[in-house]
Amino acid sequence: MWHMLQSGRCGKYLTVNHPTTQPPNHPTTMSVVTEPVAKAKSVRLVSLDAFRGATIIGMILVNNPGSWANVYAPLLHAEWHGWTPTDLVFPFFLYIVGIAIPLAFGKYLARGDSRGMLLRKTVKRSAILFGLGVFMAAFPFITFEPDFGLRPGLERLRIMGVLQRIALCYLAAAVLFLYAKPRTEWIIAAALLLGYWAAMMLIPVPGYGAGQIDIPEANLAAYLDRLVLTEAHLWAGADRMWDPEGLFSTLPAIVTTLIGVWAGRLFSADLSPVDRTAKLFVYGFAMLTAGYLWAWAFPLNKALWTSSYVLFTAGIAQCVLAVCYWFADVQGRQRWTIPLQVYGVNAITVFFFSGLVGKALYLIRIAQPDGSSPTIKGLLYDAVFVPLGPPKVASLLFALTWITVWFGVLWAMWKRGLVVKV
């Protein structure tokens, strides 16, 4: 399912990627492919790995507080309309997914790989990502209470989720990159954003009417998700009335990824570093502004992934990338990026396993002499973190410790040249 890559196992089925920044004695990072390839070197964008690492750290930080009852407001999603720093994390990751498509596929096409072969790889990778997301939702599959068997509730398993949306957006953007011209991509992107806006505002929802985007369960996206996925397979956190990663709202999320594809093309274009940085920043600021203005008519909303939210968040992401690129890749100031690269090169790996382990800590209970059976997470949090300060401070310290622990795991992999890829 995953290729585990370790230095020292070179062969004719390996390509070698030389990162521009490496820790002392860090071995070469390798990528396994399934067919013989030319012996060619490629340079990784340090800024992209660092940006990806910062984004995945943000994901893990907001997903693993010590107590959900005690979280600082910037580390929570907006209640409905509006945005917080937490609402930037997921669109940033989709934008980064889009950037990687032309960088990787362009290299493969240049060496003679067929579009059909790349399409097959894309479908396979998307299916694996989608499957991993469903696996996380189903975990654990078994229960020991009151008897050993399948865990109750699997028949109401949530189908969509973060990895599932990444899989669908990656698939759609990759297919368009392979088979459509850039102009066609932009036409499709514009049609998706404008069409989504028109549909959400003009198509009436049975029992509610049209344009009811202020009510989570009354809008068209929620209605269509209930119709297609059925309430049984929607997010339990919303009483299965809507899903923040639903099917219909994935359509504008595809545009977030396509904007990343456009940015990725800039890194392959014959541009000077100054021109490339300027284009990234200027177009990013233009998108940010357009999204902000559009929000007056179609509010910024992460759960609905509104069209204004697409432009606003992609614009911010592009401006951040421009700054990272200028300092890390153009100016060569890269030391600060190493901790972020450690997370960035194994982003999906740490997201998946930190999620599984975190869920296990919530589920495994330890019997106590007083008859209680708190979870491992509860025992650890109460004994170690609660005494350290006020509730929100203790909760944040737990999340930061969680990030540090996983950094240790990833650092050991980094030092050994281990990269796990889907």
Protein backbone atom coordinates (compact mmCIF):
# COMPACT_ATOMS: atom_id res chain seq x y z
CA MET A 1 0.00 0.00 0.00
CA TRP A 2 2.75 2.41 0.87
CA HIS A 3 6.32 2.47 -0.37
CA MET A 4 8.77 2.60 2.51
CA LEU A 5 11.91 4.17 1.23
CA GLN A 6 15.30 3.84 2.82
CA SER A 7 18.72 4.88 1.61
CA GLY A 8 21.21 2.27 0.57
CA ARG A 9 18.78 0.22 -1.52
CA CYS A 10 19.39 1.69 -4.93
CA GLY A 11 18.45 -0.14 -8.07
CA LYS A 12 17.21 0.43 -11.56
CA TYR A 13 13.72 1.17 -10.26
CA LEU A 14 14.76 4.19 -8.22
CA THR A 15 14.99 7.87 -8.95
CA VAL A 16 17.06 10.02 -6.64
CA ASN A 17 15.79 13.37 -5.41
CA HIS A 18 18.45 15.58 -3.85
CA PRO A 19 16.94 18.03 -1.34
CA THR A 20 18.58 21.42 -1.45
CA THR A 21 18.87 21.41 2.34
CA GLN A 22 19.79 18.40 4.42
CA PRO A 23 20.72 17.93 8.07
CA PRO A 24 24.28 16.76 8.82
CA ASN A 25 24.88 13.25 7.53
CA HIS A 26 21.35 13.11 6.15
CA PRO A 27 21.11 10.44 3.44
CA THR A 28 19.57 10.99 0.06
CA THR A 29 15.78 10.77 -0.11
CA MET A 30 14.51 8.25 -2.65
CA SER A 31 11.23 7.54 -4.38
CA VAL A 32 10.14 4.14 -5.61
CA VAL A 33 8.47 3.88 -9.01
CA THR A 34 7.19 0.82 -10.76
CA GLU A 35 9.16 1.00 -13.98
CA PRO A 36 12.77 1.65 -14.99
CA VAL A 37 13.54 5.34 -15.27
CA ALA A 38 16.30 7.51 -16.54
CA LYS A 39 19.03 8.48 -14.15
CA ALA A 40 18.10 12.06 -13.47
CA LYS A 41 18.41 14.41 -10.55
CA SER A 42 15.66 16.72 -9.45
CA VAL A 43 15.79 19.50 -6.90
CA ARG A 44 13.05 19.76 -4.30
CA LEU A 45 11.56 23.10 -3.39
CA VAL A 46 12.57 23.62 0.21
CA SER A 47 9.85 26.25 0.58
CA LEU A 48 7.15 23.79 -0.50
CA ASP A 49 8.27 21.10 1.95
CA ALA A 50 8.44 23.71 4.72
CA PHE A 51 5.00 25.10 3.85
CA ARG A 52 3.57 21.58 3.78
CA GLY A 53 5.20 20.85 7.13
CA ALA A 54 3.81 23.99 8.76
CA THR A 55 0.36 23.12 7.42
CA ILE A 56 0.38 19.57 8.74
CA ILE A 57 1.63 20.82 12.12
CA GLY A 58 -1.37 23.15 12.13
CA MET A 59 -3.68 20.22 11.36
CA ILE A 60 -2.30 18.15 14.22
CA LEU A 61 -2.31 21.10 16.63
CA VAL A 62 -5.99 21.90 16.15
CA ASN A 63 -7.05 18.23 16.12
CA ASN A 64 -5.39 17.24 19.41
CA PRO A 65 -6.14 19.61 22.30
CA GLY A 66 -5.90 18.29 25.82
CA SER A 67 -9.57 19.13 26.31
CA TRP A 68 -12.06 20.25 23.70
CA ALA A 69 -13.81 22.24 26.43
CA ASN A 70 -10.73 24.42 26.84
CA VAL A 71 -9.37 25.63 23.50
CA TYR A 72 -8.25 29.11 22.52
CA ALA A 73 -10.57 30.64 19.91
CA PRO A 74 -7.97 30.85 17.08
CA LEU A 75 -7.53 27.07 17.35
CA LEU A 76 -11.22 26.44 16.70
CA HIS A 77 -13.15 26.68 13.44
CA ALA A 78 -15.53 29.58 12.99
CA GLU A 79 -18.97 28.60 14.24
CA TRP A 80 -20.41 29.12 10.77
CA HIS A 81 -19.71 32.17 8.59
CA GLY A 82 -16.34 33.86 8.97
CA TRP A 83 -12.89 32.42 9.53
CA THR A 84 -10.18 31.79 12.09
CA PRO A 85 -6.55 30.70 11.53
CA THR A 86 -7.78 27.12 11.88
CA ASP A 87 -9.98 27.58 8.80
CA LEU A 88 -6.87 28.20 6.70
CA VAL A 89 -5.24 24.85 7.36
CA PHE A 90 -7.23 22.52 5.09
CA PRO A 91 -7.35 24.82 2.02
CA PHE A 92 -3.62 25.40 2.43
CA PHE A 93 -3.05 21.66 2.19
CA LEU A 94 -5.22 21.30 -0.92
CA TYR A 95 -3.37 24.21 -2.51
CA ILE A 96 -0.08 22.43 -1.80
CA VAL A 97 -1.46 19.20 -3.29
CA GLY A 98 -2.19 21.16 -6.46
CA ILE A 99 1.33 22.62 -6.63
CA ALA A 100 2.87 19.16 -6.48
CA ILE A 101 0.91 17.91 -9.52
CA PRO A 102 2.74 19.82 -12.30
CA LEU A 103 6.08 19.47 -10.50
CA ALA A 104 5.78 15.67 -10.39
CA PHE A 105 3.80 14.97 -13.54
CA GLY A 106 5.83 17.39 -15.62
CA LYS A 107 8.97 15.45 -14.76
CA TYR A 108 7.34 12.13 -15.66
CA LEU A 109 5.95 13.44 -18.95
CA ALA A 110 9.33 14.91 -19.86
CA ARG A 111 10.99 11.53 -19.51
CA GLY A 112 8.41 9.89 -21.78
CA ASP A 113 5.80 8.42 -19.44
CA SER A 114 2.36 8.21 -21.02
CA ARG A 115 -0.64 10.11 -19.73
CA GLY A 116 -2.53 6.84 -19.48
CA MET A 117 0.05 5.38 -17.13
CA LEU A 118 0.02 8.53 -14.98
CA LEU A 119 -3.77 8.41 -14.92
CA ARG A 120 -3.69 4.84 -13.63
CA LYS A 121 -1.24 5.83 -10.90
CA THR A 122 -3.41 8.80 -10.00
CA VAL A 123 -6.56 6.69 -9.69
CA LYS A 124 -4.71 4.15 -7.56
CA ARG A 125 -3.26 6.80 -5.28
CA SER A 126 -6.63 8.51 -4.91
CA ALA A 127 -8.30 5.21 -4.05
CA ILE A 128 -5.67 4.51 -1.39
CA LEU A 129 -6.09 7.96 0.14
CA PHE A 130 -9.87 7.59 0.16
CA GLY A 131 -9.56 4.14 1.72
CA LEU A 132 -7.24 5.42 4.43
CA GLY A 133 -9.80 8.07 5.31
CA VAL A 134 -12.56 5.49 5.63
CA PHE A 135 -10.19 3.29 7.67
CA MET A 136 -9.63 6.16 10.11
CA ALA A 137 -13.36 6.69 10.43
CA ALA A 138 -13.97 2.97 11.10
CA PHE A 139 -11.08 2.52 13.55
CA PRO A 140 -11.27 0.55 15.77
CA PHE A 141 -13.21 -2.16 13.99
CA ILE A 142 -13.68 -4.38 17.01
CA THR A 143 -14.84 -4.04 20.60
CA PHE A 144 -14.34 -6.14 23.71
CA GLU A 145 -17.34 -4.76 25.60
CA PRO A 146 -19.66 -6.39 26.44
CA ASP A 147 -18.43 -9.16 24.11
CA PHE A 148 -15.76 -9.43 21.46
CA GLY A 149 -17.04 -8.53 18.00
CA LEU A 150 -17.44 -5.80 15.41
CA ARG A 151 -17.77 -2.33 16.87
CA PRO A 152 -21.40 -1.15 16.98
CA GLY A 153 -22.18 1.67 14.60
CA LEU A 154 -20.10 0.56 11.63
CA GLU A 155 -23.29 0.41 9.58
CA ARG A 156 -23.51 4.19 10.07
CA LEU A 157 -19.92 4.86 9.08
CA ARG A 158 -19.14 8.37 7.86
CA ILE A 159 -18.10 8.15 4.21
CA MET A 160 -16.50 11.55 3.63
CA GLY A 161 -13.67 13.16 5.59
CA VAL A 162 -10.38 15.04 5.24
CA LEU A 163 -8.41 12.35 3.41
CA GLN A 164 -11.42 11.49 1.27
CA ARG A 165 -11.73 15.10 0.11
CA ILE A 166 -7.99 15.28 -0.58
CA ALA A 167 -8.31 12.12 -2.68
CA LEU A 168 -11.19 13.47 -4.79
CA CYS A 169 -9.61 16.90 -5.29
CA TYR A 170 -6.26 15.37 -6.22
CA LEU A 171 -7.93 13.04 -8.72
CA ALA A 172 -9.95 15.79 -10.39
CA ALA A 173 -7.06 18.26 -10.57
CA ALA A 174 -4.62 15.63 -11.85
CA VAL A 175 -6.99 14.49 -14.60
CA LEU A 176 -7.48 18.08 -15.74
CA PHE A 177 -3.73 18.70 -15.71
CA LEU A 178 -3.15 15.60 -17.83
CA TYR A 179 -5.91 16.07 -20.38
CA ALA A 180 -7.00 19.72 -20.42
CA LYS A 181 -5.26 22.88 -21.53
CA PRO A 182 -4.59 25.54 -18.87
CA ARG A 183 -7.25 27.75 -20.47
CA THR A 184 -9.78 24.94 -20.16
CA GLU A 185 -8.81 24.44 -16.51
CA TRP A 186 -9.54 28.09 -15.78
CA ILE A 187 -12.89 27.93 -17.57
CA ILE A 188 -13.85 24.87 -15.51
CA ALA A 189 -12.63 26.55 -12.30
CA ALA A 190 -14.66 29.68 -13.00
CA ALA A 191 -17.72 27.59 -13.89
CA LEU A 192 -17.42 25.64 -10.63
CA LEU A 193 -17.13 28.76 -8.47
CA LEU A 194 -19.90 30.70 -10.23
CA GLY A 195 -22.10 27.65 -10.63
CA TYR A 196 -21.74 26.70 -6.97
CA TRP A 197 -22.65 30.25 -5.92
CA ALA A 198 -25.70 30.29 -8.18
CA ALA A 199 -26.84 26.83 -7.09
CA MET A 200 -26.48 27.56 -3.39
CA MET A 201 -28.35 30.86 -3.65
CA LEU A 202 -31.01 30.12 -6.28
CA ILE A 203 -32.03 26.45 -6.15
CA PRO A 204 -34.80 25.91 -3.56
CA VAL A 205 -34.33 23.22 -0.92
CA PRO A 206 -37.50 21.25 -0.06
CA GLY A 207 -38.91 22.50 3.21
CA TYR A 208 -36.55 25.48 3.43
CA GLY A 209 -36.50 27.44 0.17
CA ALA A 210 -33.56 28.90 -1.73
CA GLY A 211 -30.44 30.62 -0.43
CA GLN A 212 -30.72 29.52 3.20
CA ILE A 213 -26.96 29.42 3.71
CA ASP A 214 -27.19 30.88 7.22
CA ILE A 215 -28.73 27.61 8.47
CA PRO A 216 -26.34 24.63 8.38
CA GLU A 217 -28.96 22.00 7.53
CA ALA A 218 -31.11 24.18 5.24
CA ASN A 219 -28.70 24.85 2.38
CA LEU A 220 -28.43 22.95 -0.90
CA ALA A 221 -25.10 21.29 -0.03
CA ALA A 222 -26.54 19.76 3.14
CA TYR A 223 -29.69 18.63 1.32
CA LEU A 224 -27.79 16.95 -1.52
CA ASP A 225 -25.43 15.22 0.92
CA ARG A 226 -28.40 13.86 2.84
CA LEU A 227 -29.95 12.75 -0.45
CA VAL A 228 -26.84 11.04 -1.87
CA LEU A 229 -24.96 9.82 1.19
CA THR A 230 -28.07 9.49 3.40
CA GLU A 231 -28.08 10.78 6.96
CA ALA A 232 -26.58 7.52 8.19
CA HIS A 233 -23.24 8.32 6.58
CA LEU A 234 -22.85 12.02 7.39
CA TRP A 235 -20.84 13.66 10.17
CA ALA A 236 -22.16 12.66 13.59
CA GLY A 237 -20.94 15.97 15.03
CA ALA A 238 -23.76 17.75 13.18
CA ASP A 239 -26.42 15.18 14.11
CA ARG A 240 -25.92 13.79 10.59
CA MET A 241 -27.76 16.72 9.04
CA TRP A 242 -24.74 18.06 7.10
CA ASP A 243 -21.09 17.27 6.58
CA PRO A 244 -18.17 19.77 6.57
CA GLU A 245 -16.44 17.56 3.97
CA GLY A 246 -19.54 16.67 2.01
CA LEU A 247 -19.74 15.70 -1.65
CA PHE A 248 -21.30 18.83 -3.10
CA SER A 249 -18.96 21.24 -1.31
CA THR A 250 -16.03 19.23 -2.67
CA LEU A 251 -16.69 20.81 -6.09
CA PRO A 252 -15.38 24.27 -5.11
CA ALA A 253 -12.60 22.56 -3.11
CA ILE A 254 -11.36 21.18 -6.44
CA VAL A 255 -10.79 24.79 -7.51
CA THR A 256 -8.54 25.33 -4.48
CA THR A 257 -6.40 22.48 -5.80
CA LEU A 258 -6.49 23.85 -9.37
CA ILE A 259 -5.18 27.19 -8.14
CA GLY A 260 -2.28 25.23 -6.68
CA VAL A 261 -1.75 23.59 -10.08
CA TRP A 262 -1.45 27.04 -11.64
CA ALA A 263 1.11 28.05 -9.01
CA GLY A 264 3.02 24.82 -9.61
CA ARG A 265 3.32 25.69 -13.29
CA LEU A 266 5.12 28.90 -12.33
CA PHE A 267 7.94 26.85 -10.84
CA SER A 268 8.40 25.06 -14.15
CA ALA A 269 8.13 28.20 -16.27
CA ASP A 270 11.14 30.06 -17.63
CA LEU A 271 10.99 32.90 -15.11
CA SER A 272 13.56 34.62 -12.97
CA PRO A 273 13.18 34.07 -9.21
CA VAL A 274 12.16 37.72 -8.80
CA ASP A 275 9.43 37.46 -11.47
CA ARG A 276 8.20 34.16 -10.06
CA THR A 277 7.97 35.56 -6.54
CA ALA A 278 6.23 38.70 -7.79
CA LYS A 279 3.64 36.73 -9.77
CA LEU A 280 2.91 34.48 -6.81
CA PHE A 281 2.45 37.41 -4.46
CA VAL A 282 0.55 39.75 -6.78
CA TYR A 283 -1.91 37.11 -7.99
CA GLY A 284 -2.24 35.79 -4.46
CA PHE A 285 -3.12 39.24 -3.14
CA ALA A 286 -5.58 39.72 -6.00
CA MET A 287 -7.35 36.45 -5.13
CA LEU A 288 -7.40 37.34 -1.45
CA THR A 289 -9.01 40.69 -2.25
CA ALA A 290 -11.52 39.18 -4.67
CA GLY A 291 -12.53 36.58 -2.11
CA TYR A 292 -12.96 39.22 0.57
CA LEU A 293 -15.17 41.34 -1.69
CA TRP A 294 -17.21 38.33 -2.85
CA ALA A 295 -17.81 37.44 0.79
CA TRP A 296 -20.16 40.43 1.04
CA ALA A 297 -22.58 38.47 -1.16
CA PHE A 298 -21.45 34.89 -0.47
CA PRO A 299 -19.93 34.72 3.02
CA LEU A 300 -16.65 33.03 3.83
CA ASN A 301 -17.59 29.61 5.16
CA LYS A 302 -15.27 26.65 5.57
CA ALA A 303 -18.04 24.09 6.13
CA LEU A 304 -19.73 25.11 2.87
CA TRP A 305 -16.38 25.82 1.15
CA THR A 306 -17.98 28.86 -0.44
CA SER A 307 -16.55 30.34 -3.61
CA SER A 308 -15.39 33.43 -1.73
CA TYR A 309 -13.63 31.16 0.76
CA VAL A 310 -11.81 29.42 -2.11
CA LEU A 311 -10.32 32.66 -3.43
CA PHE A 312 -9.64 34.18 -0.01
CA THR A 313 -7.80 31.17 1.44
CA ALA A 314 -5.94 30.30 -1.77
CA GLY A 315 -4.82 33.93 -1.98
CA ILE A 316 -3.43 33.85 1.53
CA ALA A 317 -1.74 30.50 0.83
CA GLN A 318 -0.10 31.88 -2.29
CA CYS A 319 1.22 34.97 -0.50
CA VAL A 320 2.65 32.78 2.27
CA LEU A 321 4.30 30.51 -0.29
CA ALA A 322 5.78 33.52 -2.09
CA VAL A 323 7.43 34.68 1.13
CA CYS A 324 8.71 31.18 1.94
CA TYR A 325 10.04 30.73 -1.59
CA TRP A 326 11.85 34.07 -1.55
CA PHE A 327 13.64 33.44 1.73
CA ALA A 328 14.27 29.68 1.48
CA ASP A 329 14.87 29.01 -2.21
CA VAL A 330 15.94 32.39 -3.57
CA GLN A 331 17.86 33.89 -0.66
CA GLY A 332 19.05 30.49 0.55
CA ARG A 333 18.03 31.06 4.17
CA GLN A 334 17.03 27.50 4.90
CA ARG A 335 18.10 26.59 8.42
CA TRP A 336 14.75 27.67 9.86
CA THR A 337 12.95 25.30 7.49
CA ILE A 338 14.51 22.05 8.73
CA PRO A 339 11.94 21.32 11.51
CA LEU A 340 9.16 22.08 9.03
CA GLN A 341 10.71 19.90 6.32
CA VAL A 342 10.89 17.03 8.81
CA TYR A 343 7.10 17.19 9.01
CA GLY A 344 6.61 18.12 5.36
CA VAL A 345 8.26 15.13 3.69
CA ASN A 346 6.10 12.67 5.66
CA ALA A 347 2.94 14.79 5.94
CA ILE A 348 0.27 12.19 5.14
CA THR A 349 2.10 9.59 7.25
CA VAL A 350 2.07 11.68 10.41
CA PHE A 351 -1.50 12.86 9.83
CA PHE A 352 -2.71 9.27 9.48
CA PHE A 353 -0.82 7.69 12.36
CA SER A 354 -1.20 10.59 14.79
CA GLY A 355 -4.94 10.38 14.12
CA LEU A 356 -5.08 6.64 14.80
CA VAL A 357 -2.96 6.83 17.96
CA GLY A 358 -4.90 9.86 19.19
CA LYS A 359 -8.17 8.01 18.68
CA ALA A 360 -6.82 4.96 20.52
CA LEU A 361 -5.89 7.12 23.54
CA TYR A 362 -9.52 8.27 23.68
CA LEU A 363 -10.91 4.73 23.46
CA ILE A 364 -8.67 2.57 25.65
CA ARG A 365 -9.75 2.66 29.28
CA ILE A 366 -7.83 1.70 32.41
CA ALA A 367 -9.73 0.28 35.38
CA GLN A 368 -9.04 2.11 38.67
CA PRO A 369 -9.35 0.90 42.29
CA ASP A 370 -12.31 3.23 42.85
CA GLY A 371 -14.24 1.48 40.09
CA SER A 372 -13.82 4.21 37.49
CA SER A 373 -12.28 3.53 34.08
CA PRO A 374 -10.84 6.72 32.59
CA THR A 375 -9.23 6.74 29.16
CA ILE A 376 -5.46 6.74 28.75
CA LYS A 377 -5.77 10.26 27.36
CA GLY A 378 -7.72 11.38 30.42
CA LEU A 379 -5.28 9.84 32.87
CA LEU A 380 -2.28 11.37 31.15
CA TYR A 381 -3.87 14.79 30.76
CA ASP A 382 -5.13 15.02 34.34
CA ALA A 383 -1.89 13.76 35.89
CA VAL A 384 0.66 15.67 33.82
CA PHE A 385 -0.90 18.70 32.14
CA VAL A 386 -3.78 19.94 34.29
CA PRO A 387 -1.42 20.93 37.16
CA LEU A 388 0.71 23.03 34.77
CA GLY A 389 -1.60 26.01 34.45
CA PRO A 390 -5.10 27.33 33.65
CA PRO A 391 -7.34 24.97 31.64
CA LYS A 392 -6.66 26.50 28.22
CA VAL A 393 -2.93 26.62 28.86
CA ALA A 394 -2.91 22.97 29.93
CA SER A 395 -4.93 21.99 26.86
CA LEU A 396 -2.54 23.83 24.54
CA LEU A 397 0.53 22.33 26.26
CA PHE A 398 -0.87 18.86 25.59
CA ALA A 399 -1.26 19.66 21.87
CA LEU A 400 2.26 21.10 21.67
CA THR A 401 3.66 18.04 23.43
CA TRP A 402 1.81 15.83 20.93
CA ILE A 403 3.48 17.72 18.08
CA THR A 404 6.88 17.38 19.77
CA VAL A 405 6.51 13.63 20.28
CA TRP A 406 5.67 13.09 16.62
CA PHE A 407 8.52 15.38 15.62
CA GLY A 408 10.82 12.94 17.42
CA VAL A 409 9.44 10.06 15.38
CA LEU A 410 9.73 11.99 12.12
CA TRP A 411 13.22 13.23 12.95
CA ALA A 412 14.40 9.64 13.38
CA MET A 413 12.91 8.84 9.96
CA TRP A 414 14.50 11.97 8.45
CA LYS A 415 17.95 11.08 9.75
CA ARG A 416 17.65 7.62 8.19
CA GLY A 417 16.24 8.88 4.90
CA LEU A 418 12.90 7.14 5.46
CA VAL A 419 9.99 8.60 3.50
CA VAL A 420 6.60 6.88 3.44
CA LYS A 421 4.50 7.72 0.40
CA VAL A 422 1.08 6.67 -0.73
